N, C-alpha and C. Protein backbone atom coordinates (compact mmCIF):
# COMPACT_ATOMS: atom_id res chain seq x y z
N MET A 1 18.14 15.88 -2.34
CA MET A 1 18.07 16.53 -3.82
C MET A 1 17.23 14.95 -4.06
N GLN A 2 15.33 14.76 -3.85
CA GLN A 2 15.01 13.42 -4.50
C GLN A 2 14.52 13.65 -6.03
N LEU A 3 15.36 12.51 -7.11
CA LEU A 3 15.21 12.85 -7.82
C LEU A 3 13.99 11.86 -8.94
N THR A 4 13.81 11.08 -8.54
CA THR A 4 12.15 10.08 -8.73
C THR A 4 11.43 10.03 -7.29
N SER A 5 10.34 10.21 -7.64
CA SER A 5 9.72 10.05 -6.64
C SER A 5 9.55 8.58 -5.77
N PRO A 6 9.44 8.12 -4.81
CA PRO A 6 9.12 6.92 -4.13
C PRO A 6 8.83 5.70 -4.59
N SER A 7 6.87 6.28 -5.13
CA SER A 7 6.18 5.97 -5.88
C SER A 7 6.52 4.90 -7.48
N ARG A 8 7.01 5.79 -7.71
CA ARG A 8 7.25 5.61 -9.26
C ARG A 8 8.92 4.46 -9.22
N ALA A 9 9.76 4.82 -8.27
CA ALA A 9 10.58 3.84 -8.96
C ALA A 9 10.38 2.63 -7.53
N SER A 10 9.14 2.61 -6.97
CA SER A 10 9.75 1.27 -6.81
C SER A 10 9.27 0.28 -7.46
N GLY A 11 8.12 0.73 -8.38
CA GLY A 11 7.54 -0.16 -9.27
C GLY A 11 7.87 -1.66 -9.47
N GLY A 12 8.90 -1.25 -9.89
CA GLY A 12 9.57 -2.82 -10.45
C GLY A 12 10.32 -3.09 -9.57
N TRP A 13 10.47 -3.21 -7.88
CA TRP A 13 11.18 -3.89 -6.87
C TRP A 13 9.90 -4.52 -6.47
N LEU A 14 8.71 -3.72 -6.73
CA LEU A 14 7.21 -4.35 -5.53
C LEU A 14 7.22 -5.69 -6.50
N SER A 15 7.67 -6.12 -7.73
CA SER A 15 7.30 -7.84 -8.11
C SER A 15 7.73 -8.68 -7.87
N ILE A 16 8.91 -8.39 -7.13
CA ILE A 16 10.10 -9.03 -7.17
C ILE A 16 9.48 -10.19 -5.82
N PRO A 17 8.70 -9.90 -4.60
CA PRO A 17 7.96 -10.64 -3.85
C PRO A 17 6.88 -11.58 -4.19
N ALA A 18 6.14 -10.89 -5.36
CA ALA A 18 5.16 -11.34 -6.10
C ALA A 18 5.75 -12.87 -7.37
N VAL A 19 6.70 -12.47 -7.82
CA VAL A 19 7.12 -13.14 -8.64
C VAL A 19 8.15 -14.69 -7.57
N ILE A 20 8.60 -14.37 -6.69
CA ILE A 20 8.98 -15.05 -5.59
C ILE A 20 7.62 -15.60 -4.97
N ALA A 21 6.68 -15.61 -4.52
CA ALA A 21 5.78 -16.30 -4.78
C ALA A 21 4.93 -17.49 -5.37
N LEU A 22 4.77 -16.70 -6.85
CA LEU A 22 4.55 -17.50 -8.03
C LEU A 22 5.72 -18.71 -7.76
N ILE A 23 6.75 -18.72 -8.00
CA ILE A 23 7.27 -19.55 -7.84
C ILE A 23 7.42 -20.67 -7.05
N VAL A 24 7.46 -20.24 -5.83
CA VAL A 24 7.30 -21.17 -4.80
C VAL A 24 5.82 -22.02 -4.85
N ILE A 25 4.32 -21.14 -5.12
CA ILE A 25 3.48 -21.73 -5.45
C ILE A 25 3.15 -23.04 -6.38
N GLY A 26 3.89 -22.40 -7.72
CA GLY A 26 4.17 -23.94 -8.56
C GLY A 26 5.12 -25.16 -8.26
N ALA A 27 5.89 -23.83 -8.00
CA ALA A 27 7.06 -25.51 -7.78
C ALA A 27 6.31 -26.91 -6.29
N ASN A 28 5.46 -26.29 -5.21
CA ASN A 28 4.61 -26.93 -4.40
C ASN A 28 3.37 -27.24 -4.67
N SER A 29 3.15 -27.08 -5.92
CA SER A 29 1.60 -27.79 -6.60
C SER A 29 1.91 -28.85 -7.48
N ARG A 30 0.87 -30.12 -6.67
CA ARG A 30 1.00 -31.20 -7.28
C ARG A 30 -0.53 -30.94 -8.66
N ASP A 31 -0.76 -30.39 -8.72
CA ASP A 31 -1.93 -29.88 -9.69
C ASP A 31 -1.09 -29.06 -11.05
N ASP A 32 -0.85 -29.87 -12.19
CA ASP A 32 -0.54 -29.34 -13.57
C ASP A 32 -1.00 -27.91 -13.90
N THR A 33 -2.24 -27.64 -14.04
CA THR A 33 -2.64 -26.46 -14.20
C THR A 33 -2.29 -25.65 -12.98
N VAL A 34 -1.98 -25.41 -11.93
CA VAL A 34 -1.44 -24.74 -10.99
C VAL A 34 -0.32 -24.23 -11.08
N GLN A 35 0.67 -25.48 -11.45
CA GLN A 35 1.98 -25.02 -12.07
C GLN A 35 2.18 -24.26 -13.15
N ALA A 36 1.20 -24.89 -13.85
CA ALA A 36 1.16 -24.21 -15.68
C ALA A 36 1.09 -22.72 -14.94
N VAL A 37 -0.38 -22.20 -14.80
CA VAL A 37 -0.79 -20.60 -14.30
C VAL A 37 0.14 -20.26 -13.57
N SER A 38 0.71 -20.84 -12.52
CA SER A 38 2.13 -19.81 -12.11
C SER A 38 2.99 -19.46 -12.11
N ILE A 39 3.67 -19.95 -13.36
CA ILE A 39 4.42 -20.03 -13.93
C ILE A 39 3.96 -18.84 -15.28
N ILE A 40 3.33 -19.16 -15.89
CA ILE A 40 2.77 -18.08 -16.79
C ILE A 40 2.49 -16.58 -16.09
N LEU A 41 1.80 -16.61 -14.85
CA LEU A 41 1.78 -15.59 -14.21
C LEU A 41 3.18 -14.61 -13.73
N GLY A 42 3.95 -15.60 -13.60
CA GLY A 42 5.50 -15.30 -12.80
C GLY A 42 6.01 -15.02 -13.82
N ILE A 43 5.81 -15.41 -15.37
CA ILE A 43 7.31 -14.71 -16.41
C ILE A 43 6.63 -13.52 -16.67
N VAL A 44 5.12 -13.23 -16.66
CA VAL A 44 4.26 -12.15 -16.87
C VAL A 44 4.40 -10.85 -15.87
N THR A 45 4.85 -11.55 -14.55
CA THR A 45 5.07 -10.58 -13.30
C THR A 45 6.04 -9.84 -13.50
N PHE A 46 7.21 -11.24 -14.37
CA PHE A 46 8.85 -10.40 -13.82
C PHE A 46 8.49 -9.32 -15.10
N PHE A 47 8.06 -9.59 -15.94
CA PHE A 47 8.71 -8.66 -17.56
C PHE A 47 8.15 -7.24 -17.04
N VAL A 48 6.66 -7.19 -16.48
CA VAL A 48 5.74 -6.16 -16.44
C VAL A 48 6.73 -5.22 -14.86
N GLY A 49 6.95 -5.73 -14.44
CA GLY A 49 7.90 -5.49 -12.96
C GLY A 49 9.24 -5.11 -14.09
N VAL A 50 9.49 -5.51 -14.62
CA VAL A 50 11.19 -4.91 -15.38
C VAL A 50 10.95 -3.48 -16.01
N ILE A 51 9.91 -3.53 -17.11
CA ILE A 51 9.00 -2.80 -17.44
C ILE A 51 8.88 -1.43 -17.01
N GLY A 52 8.35 -2.20 -15.89
CA GLY A 52 7.51 -0.76 -14.98
C GLY A 52 8.54 -0.31 -14.24
N GLY A 53 10.18 -0.56 -13.99
CA GLY A 53 11.01 -0.43 -12.78
C GLY A 53 11.80 0.74 -13.76
N VAL A 54 11.86 0.55 -15.38
CA VAL A 54 12.48 1.33 -16.04
C VAL A 54 12.31 2.34 -16.36
N ILE A 55 10.87 2.20 -16.35
CA ILE A 55 10.42 3.42 -16.88
C ILE A 55 10.18 4.67 -15.82
N GLY A 56 9.75 3.64 -14.73
CA GLY A 56 9.57 5.02 -13.39
C GLY A 56 10.61 5.10 -13.12
N ALA A 57 11.64 4.81 -13.25
CA ALA A 57 13.00 4.88 -12.83
C ALA A 57 13.86 5.88 -13.18
N ARG A 58 13.51 6.29 -14.59
CA ARG A 58 13.33 7.69 -15.65
C ARG A 58 13.46 8.93 -14.89
N ILE A 59 15.04 9.31 -15.10
CA ILE A 59 15.56 10.85 -14.26
C ILE A 59 14.45 12.00 -14.80
N VAL A 60 14.99 12.47 -16.23
CA VAL A 60 15.09 13.21 -17.14
C VAL A 60 14.50 12.61 -18.49
N ILE A 61 14.16 13.14 -19.51
CA ILE A 61 13.63 12.61 -20.26
C ILE A 61 14.04 13.91 -21.60
N PRO A 62 14.43 13.59 -22.49
CA PRO A 62 14.91 14.20 -23.74
C PRO A 62 13.82 14.20 -24.49
N SER A 63 12.89 15.52 -24.75
CA SER A 63 12.21 16.07 -25.69
C SER A 63 12.19 16.52 -26.78
N ARG A 64 13.55 17.43 -26.89
CA ARG A 64 14.11 17.56 -28.50
C ARG A 64 15.27 17.82 -28.08
N ILE A 65 16.34 17.75 -29.42
CA ILE A 65 17.51 17.90 -29.20
C ILE A 65 18.36 18.32 -30.75
N GLU A 66 18.87 19.38 -30.60
CA GLU A 66 19.18 20.02 -31.80
C GLU A 66 20.71 20.61 -31.04
N HIS A 67 21.54 20.55 -32.65
CA HIS A 67 23.04 20.94 -31.48
C HIS A 67 22.91 22.71 -31.28
N PRO A 68 23.43 23.13 -30.37
CA PRO A 68 24.32 22.72 -29.39
C PRO A 68 22.94 22.61 -27.84
N TYR A 69 21.70 22.29 -28.01
CA TYR A 69 20.79 22.86 -27.14
C TYR A 69 20.21 21.26 -27.19
N LEU A 70 19.76 21.03 -25.63
CA LEU A 70 18.37 19.95 -25.17
C LEU A 70 17.69 20.41 -24.54
N TRP A 71 16.61 19.61 -24.57
CA TRP A 71 14.90 20.29 -24.33
C TRP A 71 14.67 19.20 -23.40
N ILE A 72 14.53 19.18 -22.02
CA ILE A 72 14.05 18.15 -20.76
C ILE A 72 13.11 18.29 -20.16
N ARG A 73 12.57 16.80 -20.03
CA ARG A 73 11.20 17.13 -19.48
C ARG A 73 11.19 16.31 -18.20
N GLY A 74 11.13 16.71 -17.21
CA GLY A 74 10.52 15.88 -16.11
C GLY A 74 11.96 15.86 -15.05
N ALA A 75 12.48 17.43 -14.54
CA ALA A 75 13.52 18.07 -13.79
C ALA A 75 12.33 18.49 -13.21
N GLY A 76 12.83 18.44 -11.83
CA GLY A 76 12.48 19.24 -10.96
C GLY A 76 13.21 20.72 -10.58
N ARG A 77 12.54 21.44 -10.32
CA ARG A 77 13.45 22.91 -9.57
C ARG A 77 14.96 22.69 -9.19
N GLU A 78 15.27 21.79 -8.23
CA GLU A 78 16.17 21.17 -7.30
C GLU A 78 17.44 20.90 -7.98
N PHE A 79 16.88 20.21 -9.27
CA PHE A 79 18.31 19.59 -10.29
C PHE A 79 18.48 20.68 -11.51
N LEU A 80 17.17 21.73 -11.79
CA LEU A 80 17.71 22.48 -12.48
C LEU A 80 18.47 23.25 -11.60
N ALA A 81 18.52 24.03 -11.20
CA ALA A 81 19.43 24.99 -10.18
C ALA A 81 20.42 24.31 -9.66
N THR A 82 21.10 22.87 -9.58
CA THR A 82 22.44 22.51 -9.90
C THR A 82 23.06 22.74 -11.31
N LEU A 83 22.60 23.13 -12.56
CA LEU A 83 23.03 23.03 -13.21
C LEU A 83 23.50 24.43 -14.05
N SER A 84 24.60 24.50 -14.46
CA SER A 84 25.19 25.96 -14.71
C SER A 84 24.56 26.86 -15.93
N ALA A 85 24.18 27.78 -15.79
CA ALA A 85 23.60 29.03 -16.73
C ALA A 85 24.26 28.86 -18.44
N ALA A 86 23.27 29.18 -19.06
CA ALA A 86 23.86 28.55 -20.35
C ALA A 86 24.68 29.65 -20.89
N ARG A 87 25.00 29.49 -21.55
CA ARG A 87 25.81 30.63 -22.22
C ARG A 87 26.11 31.25 -23.62
């Protein structure tokens, strides 16, 4: 059973090579402008990757909670089939 799509879950992981590349470019550059730009872009890319990874990796999202019931969004049929019937 696959709970999240690979394209959504991998969004955060794809930013890691970009952050590493920006760090290497900034560390090897002799120009102060290139260093500053690569540092700023690296920080922005890092936070975008973290936020994208957290949002993309969500399995189910609660849409409404009233005791004793819970309404959820984002659950596939395979996941719902594993749950016991409501009593």
